[in-house]
mmCIF file of all heavy atoms, coordinates in Angstrom:
data_MODEL
# 
_entry.id   MODEL 
# 
loop_
_atom_site.group_PDB 
_atom_site.id 
_atom_site.type_symbol 
_atom_site.label_atom_id 
_atom_site.label_alt_id 
_atom_site.label_comp_id 
_atom_site.label_asym_id 
_atom_site.label_entity_id 
_atom_site.label_seq_id 
_atom_site.pdbx_PDB_ins_code 
_atom_site.Cartn_x 
_atom_site.Cartn_y 
_atom_site.Cartn_z 
_atom_site.occupancy 
_atom_site.B_iso_or_equiv 
_atom_site.pdbx_formal_charge 
_atom_site.auth_seq_id 
_atom_site.auth_comp_id 
_atom_site.auth_asym_id 
_atom_site.auth_atom_id 
_atom_site.pdbx_PDB_model_num 
ATOM 1   N N   . VAL A 1 1  ? -5.630 39.436 27.737 1.00 0.00 ? 1  VAL A N   1 
ATOM 2   C CA  . VAL A 1 1  ? -4.363 38.997 27.123 1.00 0.00 ? 1  VAL A CA  1 
ATOM 3   C C   . VAL A 1 1  ? -4.736 37.832 26.190 1.00 0.00 ? 1  VAL A C   1 
ATOM 4   O O   . VAL A 1 1  ? -5.479 36.971 26.547 1.00 0.00 ? 1  VAL A O   1 
ATOM 5   C CB  . VAL A 1 1  ? -3.360 38.590 28.179 1.00 0.00 ? 1  VAL A CB  1 
ATOM 6   C CG1 . VAL A 1 1  ? -2.048 38.100 27.527 1.00 0.00 ? 1  VAL A CG1 1 
ATOM 7   C CG2 . VAL A 1 1  ? -3.073 39.752 29.167 1.00 0.00 ? 1  VAL A CG2 1 
ATOM 8   N N   . GLY A 1 2  ? -4.137 37.850 24.965 1.00 0.00 ? 2  GLY A N   1 
ATOM 9   C CA  . GLY A 1 2  ? -4.555 36.896 23.944 1.00 0.00 ? 2  GLY A CA  1 
ATOM 10  C C   . GLY A 1 2  ? -3.765 35.668 23.796 1.00 0.00 ? 2  GLY A C   1 
ATOM 11  O O   . GLY A 1 2  ? -4.158 34.784 23.017 1.00 0.00 ? 2  GLY A O   1 
ATOM 12  N N   . ALA A 1 3  ? -2.675 35.460 24.564 1.00 0.00 ? 3  ALA A N   1 
ATOM 13  C CA  . ALA A 1 3  ? -1.893 34.194 24.479 1.00 0.00 ? 3  ALA A CA  1 
ATOM 14  C C   . ALA A 1 3  ? -1.214 33.931 25.835 1.00 0.00 ? 3  ALA A C   1 
ATOM 15  O O   . ALA A 1 3  ? -1.102 34.864 26.623 1.00 0.00 ? 3  ALA A O   1 
ATOM 16  C CB  . ALA A 1 3  ? -0.852 34.290 23.366 1.00 0.00 ? 3  ALA A CB  1 
ATOM 17  N N   . ILE A 1 4  ? -0.737 32.752 25.970 1.00 0.00 ? 4  ILE A N   1 
ATOM 18  C CA  . ILE A 1 4  ? -0.011 32.416 27.156 1.00 0.00 ? 4  ILE A CA  1 
ATOM 19  C C   . ILE A 1 4  ? 1.155  31.450 26.696 1.00 0.00 ? 4  ILE A C   1 
ATOM 20  O O   . ILE A 1 4  ? 0.949  30.646 25.899 1.00 0.00 ? 4  ILE A O   1 
ATOM 21  C CB  . ILE A 1 4  ? -0.855 31.815 28.258 1.00 0.00 ? 4  ILE A CB  1 
ATOM 22  C CG1 . ILE A 1 4  ? -0.079 31.619 29.573 1.00 0.00 ? 4  ILE A CG1 1 
ATOM 23  C CG2 . ILE A 1 4  ? -1.480 30.540 27.795 1.00 0.00 ? 4  ILE A CG2 1 
ATOM 24  C CD1 . ILE A 1 4  ? -0.936 31.315 30.746 1.00 0.00 ? 4  ILE A CD1 1 
ATOM 25  N N   . GLU A 1 5  ? 2.272  31.636 27.345 1.00 0.00 ? 5  GLU A N   1 
ATOM 26  C CA  . GLU A 1 5  ? 3.446  30.869 27.013 1.00 0.00 ? 5  GLU A CA  1 
ATOM 27  C C   . GLU A 1 5  ? 4.018  30.267 28.291 1.00 0.00 ? 5  GLU A C   1 
ATOM 28  O O   . GLU A 1 5  ? 3.739  30.780 29.390 1.00 0.00 ? 5  GLU A O   1 
ATOM 29  C CB  . GLU A 1 5  ? 4.512  31.669 26.299 1.00 0.00 ? 5  GLU A CB  1 
ATOM 30  C CG  . GLU A 1 5  ? 5.669  30.919 25.733 1.00 0.00 ? 5  GLU A CG  1 
ATOM 31  C CD  . GLU A 1 5  ? 6.564  31.874 24.893 1.00 0.00 ? 5  GLU A CD  1 
ATOM 32  O OE1 . GLU A 1 5  ? 6.180  32.153 23.780 1.00 0.00 ? 5  GLU A OE1 1 
ATOM 33  O OE2 . GLU A 1 5  ? 7.590  32.269 25.434 1.00 0.00 ? 5  GLU A OE2 1 
ATOM 34  N N   . LEU A 1 6  ? 4.849  29.212 28.210 1.00 0.00 ? 6  LEU A N   1 
ATOM 35  C CA  . LEU A 1 6  ? 5.471  28.600 29.356 1.00 0.00 ? 6  LEU A CA  1 
ATOM 36  C C   . LEU A 1 6  ? 6.751  27.914 28.876 1.00 0.00 ? 6  LEU A C   1 
ATOM 37  O O   . LEU A 1 6  ? 6.952  27.693 27.675 1.00 0.00 ? 6  LEU A O   1 
ATOM 38  C CB  . LEU A 1 6  ? 4.516  27.622 30.015 1.00 0.00 ? 6  LEU A CB  1 
ATOM 39  C CG  . LEU A 1 6  ? 4.012  26.457 29.168 1.00 0.00 ? 6  LEU A CG  1 
ATOM 40  C CD1 . LEU A 1 6  ? 4.933  25.288 29.103 1.00 0.00 ? 6  LEU A CD1 1 
ATOM 41  C CD2 . LEU A 1 6  ? 2.593  26.018 29.715 1.00 0.00 ? 6  LEU A CD2 1 
ATOM 42  N N   . ASN A 1 7  ? 7.586  27.590 29.838 1.00 0.00 ? 7  ASN A N   1 
ATOM 43  C CA  . ASN A 1 7  ? 8.718  26.720 29.636 1.00 0.00 ? 7  ASN A CA  1 
ATOM 44  C C   . ASN A 1 7  ? 8.508  25.420 30.361 1.00 0.00 ? 7  ASN A C   1 
ATOM 45  O O   . ASN A 1 7  ? 7.886  25.444 31.489 1.00 0.00 ? 7  ASN A O   1 
ATOM 46  C CB  . ASN A 1 7  ? 10.014 27.358 30.167 1.00 0.00 ? 7  ASN A CB  1 
ATOM 47  C CG  . ASN A 1 7  ? 10.554 28.471 29.303 1.00 0.00 ? 7  ASN A CG  1 
ATOM 48  O OD1 . ASN A 1 7  ? 10.238 28.508 28.083 1.00 0.00 ? 7  ASN A OD1 1 
ATOM 49  N ND2 . ASN A 1 7  ? 11.246 29.408 29.896 1.00 0.00 ? 7  ASN A ND2 1 
ATOM 50  N N   . VAL A 1 8  ? 8.990  24.322 29.865 1.00 0.00 ? 8  VAL A N   1 
ATOM 51  C CA  . VAL A 1 8  ? 8.898  23.032 30.534 1.00 0.00 ? 8  VAL A CA  1 
ATOM 52  C C   . VAL A 1 8  ? 10.174 22.347 30.265 1.00 0.00 ? 8  VAL A C   1 
ATOM 53  O O   . VAL A 1 8  ? 10.752 22.322 29.182 1.00 0.00 ? 8  VAL A O   1 
ATOM 54  C CB  . VAL A 1 8  ? 7.661  22.236 30.064 1.00 0.00 ? 8  VAL A CB  1 
ATOM 55  C CG1 . VAL A 1 8  ? 7.699  21.914 28.593 1.00 0.00 ? 8  VAL A CG1 1 
ATOM 56  C CG2 . VAL A 1 8  ? 7.439  20.961 30.847 1.00 0.00 ? 8  VAL A CG2 1 
ATOM 57  N N   . PHE A 1 9  ? 10.704 21.646 31.310 1.00 0.00 ? 9  PHE A N   1 
ATOM 58  C CA  . PHE A 1 9  ? 11.897 20.840 31.159 1.00 0.00 ? 9  PHE A CA  1 
ATOM 59  C C   . PHE A 1 9  ? 11.544 19.643 30.313 1.00 0.00 ? 9  PHE A C   1 
ATOM 60  O O   . PHE A 1 9  ? 10.484 19.015 30.426 1.00 0.00 ? 9  PHE A O   1 
ATOM 61  C CB  . PHE A 1 9  ? 12.477 20.420 32.519 1.00 0.00 ? 9  PHE A CB  1 
ATOM 62  C CG  . PHE A 1 9  ? 13.117 21.561 33.224 1.00 0.00 ? 9  PHE A CG  1 
ATOM 63  C CD1 . PHE A 1 9  ? 12.519 22.201 34.291 1.00 0.00 ? 9  PHE A CD1 1 
ATOM 64  C CD2 . PHE A 1 9  ? 14.403 22.030 32.842 1.00 0.00 ? 9  PHE A CD2 1 
ATOM 65  C CE1 . PHE A 1 9  ? 13.153 23.280 34.953 1.00 0.00 ? 9  PHE A CE1 1 
ATOM 66  C CE2 . PHE A 1 9  ? 15.022 23.097 33.462 1.00 0.00 ? 9  PHE A CE2 1 
ATOM 67  C CZ  . PHE A 1 9  ? 14.410 23.701 34.530 1.00 0.00 ? 9  PHE A CZ  1 
ATOM 68  N N   . GLY A 1 10 ? 12.445 19.267 29.377 1.00 0.00 ? 10 GLY A N   1 
ATOM 69  C CA  . GLY A 1 10 ? 12.217 18.218 28.432 1.00 0.00 ? 10 GLY A CA  1 
ATOM 70  C C   . GLY A 1 10 ? 12.027 16.893 29.082 1.00 0.00 ? 10 GLY A C   1 
ATOM 71  O O   . GLY A 1 10 ? 11.338 16.032 28.457 1.00 0.00 ? 10 GLY A O   1 
ATOM 72  N N   . ASP A 1 11 ? 12.463 16.663 30.286 1.00 0.00 ? 11 ASP A N   1 
ATOM 73  C CA  . ASP A 1 11 ? 12.353 15.319 30.875 1.00 0.00 ? 11 ASP A CA  1 
ATOM 74  C C   . ASP A 1 11 ? 11.085 15.224 31.664 1.00 0.00 ? 11 ASP A C   1 
ATOM 75  O O   . ASP A 1 11 ? 10.781 14.176 32.300 1.00 0.00 ? 11 ASP A O   1 
ATOM 76  C CB  . ASP A 1 11 ? 13.501 14.988 31.797 1.00 0.00 ? 11 ASP A CB  1 
ATOM 77  C CG  . ASP A 1 11 ? 13.664 15.918 32.997 1.00 0.00 ? 11 ASP A CG  1 
ATOM 78  O OD1 . ASP A 1 11 ? 13.042 16.941 33.077 1.00 0.00 ? 11 ASP A OD1 1 
ATOM 79  O OD2 . ASP A 1 11 ? 14.506 15.577 33.845 1.00 0.00 ? 11 ASP A OD2 1 
ATOM 80  N N   . ASN A 1 12 ? 10.259 16.262 31.616 1.00 0.00 ? 12 ASN A N   1 
ATOM 81  C CA  . ASN A 1 12 ? 8.956  16.207 32.400 1.00 0.00 ? 12 ASN A CA  1 
ATOM 82  C C   . ASN A 1 12 ? 7.853  15.804 31.491 1.00 0.00 ? 12 ASN A C   1 
ATOM 83  O O   . ASN A 1 12 ? 7.064  16.607 31.008 1.00 0.00 ? 12 ASN A O   1 
ATOM 84  C CB  . ASN A 1 12 ? 8.702  17.620 33.008 1.00 0.00 ? 12 ASN A CB  1 
ATOM 85  C CG  . ASN A 1 12 ? 7.540  17.617 33.967 1.00 0.00 ? 12 ASN A CG  1 
ATOM 86  O OD1 . ASN A 1 12 ? 6.724  16.713 33.999 1.00 0.00 ? 12 ASN A OD1 1 
ATOM 87  N ND2 . ASN A 1 12 ? 7.445  18.693 34.726 1.00 0.00 ? 12 ASN A ND2 1 
ATOM 88  N N   . ALA A 1 13 ? 7.870  14.528 31.200 1.00 0.00 ? 13 ALA A N   1 
ATOM 89  C CA  . ALA A 1 13 ? 6.936  13.940 30.160 1.00 0.00 ? 13 ALA A CA  1 
ATOM 90  C C   . ALA A 1 13 ? 5.487  14.202 30.531 1.00 0.00 ? 13 ALA A C   1 
ATOM 91  O O   . ALA A 1 13 ? 4.652  14.478 29.620 1.00 0.00 ? 13 ALA A O   1 
ATOM 92  C CB  . ALA A 1 13 ? 7.218  12.478 30.009 1.00 0.00 ? 13 ALA A CB  1 
ATOM 93  N N   . ARG A 1 14 ? 5.085  14.157 31.809 1.00 0.00 ? 14 ARG A N   1 
ATOM 94  C CA  . ARG A 1 14 ? 3.708  14.351 32.168 1.00 0.00 ? 14 ARG A CA  1 
ATOM 95  C C   . ARG A 1 14 ? 3.305  15.752 31.854 1.00 0.00 ? 14 ARG A C   1 
ATOM 96  O O   . ARG A 1 14 ? 2.233  15.972 31.281 1.00 0.00 ? 14 ARG A O   1 
ATOM 97  C CB  . ARG A 1 14 ? 3.532  14.116 33.700 1.00 0.00 ? 14 ARG A CB  1 
ATOM 98  C CG  . ARG A 1 14 ? 2.141  14.384 34.166 1.00 0.00 ? 14 ARG A CG  1 
ATOM 99  C CD  . ARG A 1 14 ? 2.004  14.049 35.631 1.00 0.00 ? 14 ARG A CD  1 
ATOM 100 N NE  . ARG A 1 14 ? 1.587  12.687 35.707 1.00 0.00 ? 14 ARG A NE  1 
ATOM 101 C CZ  . ARG A 1 14 ? 1.376  12.003 36.856 1.00 0.00 ? 14 ARG A CZ  1 
ATOM 102 N NH1 . ARG A 1 14 ? 1.590  12.579 37.983 1.00 0.00 ? 14 ARG A NH1 1 
ATOM 103 N NH2 . ARG A 1 14 ? 0.967  10.806 36.819 1.00 0.00 ? 14 ARG A NH2 1 
ATOM 104 N N   . ALA A 1 15 ? 4.119  16.747 32.176 1.00 0.00 ? 15 ALA A N   1 
ATOM 105 C CA  . ALA A 1 15 ? 3.802  18.122 31.865 1.00 0.00 ? 15 ALA A CA  1 
ATOM 106 C C   . ALA A 1 15 ? 3.758  18.396 30.306 1.00 0.00 ? 15 ALA A C   1 
ATOM 107 O O   . ALA A 1 15 ? 2.898  19.036 29.823 1.00 0.00 ? 15 ALA A O   1 
ATOM 108 C CB  . ALA A 1 15 ? 4.778  19.046 32.517 1.00 0.00 ? 15 ALA A CB  1 
ATOM 109 N N   . VAL A 1 16 ? 4.763  17.841 29.653 1.00 0.00 ? 16 VAL A N   1 
ATOM 110 C CA  . VAL A 1 16 ? 4.758  18.029 28.217 1.00 0.00 ? 16 VAL A CA  1 
ATOM 111 C C   . VAL A 1 16 ? 3.531  17.431 27.564 1.00 0.00 ? 16 VAL A C   1 
ATOM 112 O O   . VAL A 1 16 ? 2.919  18.037 26.710 1.00 0.00 ? 16 VAL A O   1 
ATOM 113 C CB  . VAL A 1 16 ? 6.052  17.347 27.614 1.00 0.00 ? 16 VAL A CB  1 
ATOM 114 C CG1 . VAL A 1 16 ? 5.979  17.285 26.069 1.00 0.00 ? 16 VAL A CG1 1 
ATOM 115 C CG2 . VAL A 1 16 ? 7.330  18.077 28.079 1.00 0.00 ? 16 VAL A CG2 1 
ATOM 116 N N   . GLY A 1 17 ? 3.077  16.285 28.026 1.00 0.00 ? 17 GLY A N   1 
ATOM 117 C CA  . GLY A 1 17 ? 1.857  15.678 27.568 1.00 0.00 ? 17 GLY A CA  1 
ATOM 118 C C   . GLY A 1 17 ? 0.629  16.546 27.856 1.00 0.00 ? 17 GLY A C   1 
ATOM 119 O O   . GLY A 1 17 ? -0.274 16.734 26.977 1.00 0.00 ? 17 GLY A O   1 
ATOM 120 N N   . LEU A 1 18 ? 0.539  17.053 29.073 1.00 0.00 ? 18 LEU A N   1 
ATOM 121 C CA  . LEU A 1 18 ? -0.593 17.921 29.481 1.00 0.00 ? 18 LEU A CA  1 
ATOM 122 C C   . LEU A 1 18 ? -0.669 19.123 28.550 1.00 0.00 ? 18 LEU A C   1 
ATOM 123 O O   . LEU A 1 18 ? -1.704 19.477 28.009 1.00 0.00 ? 18 LEU A O   1 
ATOM 124 C CB  . LEU A 1 18 ? -0.450 18.332 30.949 1.00 0.00 ? 18 LEU A CB  1 
ATOM 125 C CG  . LEU A 1 18 ? -1.422 19.440 31.380 1.00 0.00 ? 18 LEU A CG  1 
ATOM 126 C CD1 . LEU A 1 18 ? -2.868 18.936 31.294 1.00 0.00 ? 18 LEU A CD1 1 
ATOM 127 C CD2 . LEU A 1 18 ? -1.053 19.918 32.839 1.00 0.00 ? 18 LEU A CD2 1 
ATOM 128 N N   . TYR A 1 19 ? 0.474  19.851 28.431 1.00 0.00 ? 19 TYR A N   1 
ATOM 129 C CA  . TYR A 1 19 ? 0.453  21.021 27.631 1.00 0.00 ? 19 TYR A CA  1 
ATOM 130 C C   . TYR A 1 19 ? 0.140  20.804 26.147 1.00 0.00 ? 19 TYR A C   1 
ATOM 131 O O   . TYR A 1 19 ? -0.618 21.462 25.552 1.00 0.00 ? 19 TYR A O   1 
ATOM 132 C CB  . TYR A 1 19 ? 1.837  21.785 27.767 1.00 0.00 ? 19 TYR A CB  1 
ATOM 133 C CG  . TYR A 1 19 ? 2.165  22.157 29.132 1.00 0.00 ? 19 TYR A CG  1 
ATOM 134 C CD1 . TYR A 1 19 ? 3.469  21.967 29.675 1.00 0.00 ? 19 TYR A CD1 1 
ATOM 135 C CD2 . TYR A 1 19 ? 1.197  22.645 30.059 1.00 0.00 ? 19 TYR A CD2 1 
ATOM 136 C CE1 . TYR A 1 19 ? 3.763  22.278 30.967 1.00 0.00 ? 19 TYR A CE1 1 
ATOM 137 C CE2 . TYR A 1 19 ? 1.505  22.954 31.356 1.00 0.00 ? 19 TYR A CE2 1 
ATOM 138 C CZ  . TYR A 1 19 ? 2.778  22.770 31.787 1.00 0.00 ? 19 TYR A CZ  1 
ATOM 139 O OH  . TYR A 1 19 ? 3.107  23.093 33.110 1.00 0.00 ? 19 TYR A OH  1 
ATOM 140 N N   . GLY A 1 20 ? 0.725  19.731 25.564 1.00 0.00 ? 20 GLY A N   1 
ATOM 141 C CA  . GLY A 1 20 ? 0.478  19.369 24.200 1.00 0.00 ? 20 GLY A CA  1 
ATOM 142 C C   . GLY A 1 20 ? -1.020 19.070 23.985 1.00 0.00 ? 20 GLY A C   1 
ATOM 143 O O   . GLY A 1 20 ? -1.690 19.563 23.004 1.00 0.00 ? 20 GLY A O   1 
ATOM 144 N N   . SER A 1 21 ? -1.593 18.291 24.899 1.00 0.00 ? 21 SER A N   1 
ATOM 145 C CA  . SER A 1 21 ? -2.975 17.882 24.712 1.00 0.00 ? 21 SER A CA  1 
ATOM 146 C C   . SER A 1 21 ? -3.917 19.055 25.073 1.00 0.00 ? 21 SER A C   1 
ATOM 147 O O   . SER A 1 21 ? -5.124 18.930 24.762 1.00 0.00 ? 21 SER A O   1 
ATOM 148 C CB  . SER A 1 21 ? -3.341 16.681 25.585 1.00 0.00 ? 21 SER A CB  1 
ATOM 149 O OG  . SER A 1 21 ? -3.228 17.003 26.972 1.00 0.00 ? 21 SER A OG  1 
ATOM 150 N N   . SER A 1 22 ? -3.392 20.127 25.653 1.00 0.00 ? 22 SER A N   1 
ATOM 151 C CA  . SER A 1 22 ? -4.183 21.296 25.955 1.00 0.00 ? 22 SER A CA  1 
ATOM 152 C C   . SER A 1 22 ? -4.064 22.403 24.953 1.00 0.00 ? 22 SER A C   1 
ATOM 153 O O   . SER A 1 22 ? -4.553 23.486 25.123 1.00 0.00 ? 22 SER A O   1 
ATOM 154 C CB  . SER A 1 22 ? -3.795 21.828 27.361 1.00 0.00 ? 22 SER A CB  1 
ATOM 155 O OG  . SER A 1 22 ? -4.087 20.931 28.368 1.00 0.00 ? 22 SER A OG  1 
ATOM 156 N N   . GLY A 1 23 ? -3.364 22.083 23.837 1.00 0.00 ? 23 GLY A N   1 
ATOM 157 C CA  . GLY A 1 23 ? -3.281 23.015 22.715 1.00 0.00 ? 23 GLY A CA  1 
ATOM 158 C C   . GLY A 1 23 ? -2.020 23.863 22.687 1.00 0.00 ? 23 GLY A C   1 
ATOM 159 O O   . GLY A 1 23 ? -1.930 24.720 21.817 1.00 0.00 ? 23 GLY A O   1 
ATOM 160 N N   . TYR A 1 24 ? -1.107 23.648 23.532 1.00 0.00 ? 24 TYR A N   1 
ATOM 161 C CA  . TYR A 1 24 ? 0.155  24.374 23.484 1.00 0.00 ? 24 TYR A CA  1 
ATOM 162 C C   . TYR A 1 24 ? 1.047  23.758 22.379 1.00 0.00 ? 24 TYR A C   1 
ATOM 163 O O   . TYR A 1 24 ? 0.959  22.562 22.125 1.00 0.00 ? 24 TYR A O   1 
ATOM 164 C CB  . TYR A 1 24 ? 0.833  24.299 24.818 1.00 0.00 ? 24 TYR A CB  1 
ATOM 165 C CG  . TYR A 1 24 ? 0.211  25.146 25.899 1.00 0.00 ? 24 TYR A CG  1 
ATOM 166 C CD1 . TYR A 1 24 ? -0.938 24.692 26.462 1.00 0.00 ? 24 TYR A CD1 1 
ATOM 167 C CD2 . TYR A 1 24 ? 0.756  26.325 26.315 1.00 0.00 ? 24 TYR A CD2 1 
ATOM 168 C CE1 . TYR A 1 24 ? -1.584 25.493 27.460 1.00 0.00 ? 24 TYR A CE1 1 
ATOM 169 C CE2 . TYR A 1 24 ? 0.122  27.123 27.302 1.00 0.00 ? 24 TYR A CE2 1 
ATOM 170 C CZ  . TYR A 1 24 ? -1.050 26.662 27.862 1.00 0.00 ? 24 TYR A CZ  1 
ATOM 171 O OH  . TYR A 1 24 ? -1.683 27.395 28.778 1.00 0.00 ? 24 TYR A OH  1 
ATOM 172 N N   . ARG A 1 25 ? 1.828  24.572 21.693 1.00 0.00 ? 25 ARG A N   1 
ATOM 173 C CA  . ARG A 1 25 ? 2.677  24.068 20.671 1.00 0.00 ? 25 ARG A CA  1 
ATOM 174 C C   . ARG A 1 25 ? 4.126  24.575 20.965 1.00 0.00 ? 25 ARG A C   1 
ATOM 175 O O   . ARG A 1 25 ? 4.343  25.637 21.605 1.00 0.00 ? 25 ARG A O   1 
ATOM 176 C CB  . ARG A 1 25 ? 2.231  24.537 19.289 1.00 0.00 ? 25 ARG A CB  1 
ATOM 177 C CG  . ARG A 1 25 ? 2.230  26.039 19.140 1.00 0.00 ? 25 ARG A CG  1 
ATOM 178 C CD  . ARG A 1 25 ? 1.678  26.466 17.749 1.00 0.00 ? 25 ARG A CD  1 
ATOM 179 N NE  . ARG A 1 25 ? 1.593  27.890 17.709 1.00 0.00 ? 25 ARG A NE  1 
ATOM 180 C CZ  . ARG A 1 25 ? 2.587  28.717 17.441 1.00 0.00 ? 25 ARG A CZ  1 
ATOM 181 N NH1 . ARG A 1 25 ? 3.830  28.215 17.187 1.00 0.00 ? 25 ARG A NH1 1 
ATOM 182 N NH2 . ARG A 1 25 ? 2.490  30.049 17.381 1.00 0.00 ? 25 ARG A NH2 1 
ATOM 183 N N   . VAL A 1 26 ? 5.063  23.863 20.468 1.00 0.00 ? 26 VAL A N   1 
ATOM 184 C CA  . VAL A 1 26 ? 6.492  24.235 20.719 1.00 0.00 ? 26 VAL A CA  1 
ATOM 185 C C   . VAL A 1 26 ? 6.768  25.442 19.789 1.00 0.00 ? 26 VAL A C   1 
ATOM 186 O O   . VAL A 1 26 ? 6.521  25.463 18.598 1.00 0.00 ? 26 VAL A O   1 
ATOM 187 C CB  . VAL A 1 26 ? 7.401  23.079 20.342 1.00 0.00 ? 26 VAL A CB  1 
ATOM 188 C CG1 . VAL A 1 26 ? 8.905  23.568 20.431 1.00 0.00 ? 26 VAL A CG1 1 
ATOM 189 C CG2 . VAL A 1 26 ? 7.178  21.891 21.261 1.00 0.00 ? 26 VAL A CG2 1 
# 
């Protein structure tokens, strides 16, 4: 599989930071 997606609640700053710094984009 060539891609992966996820949902994250906007108030979960730690997770948002992890995903962003791991190459995930909105």
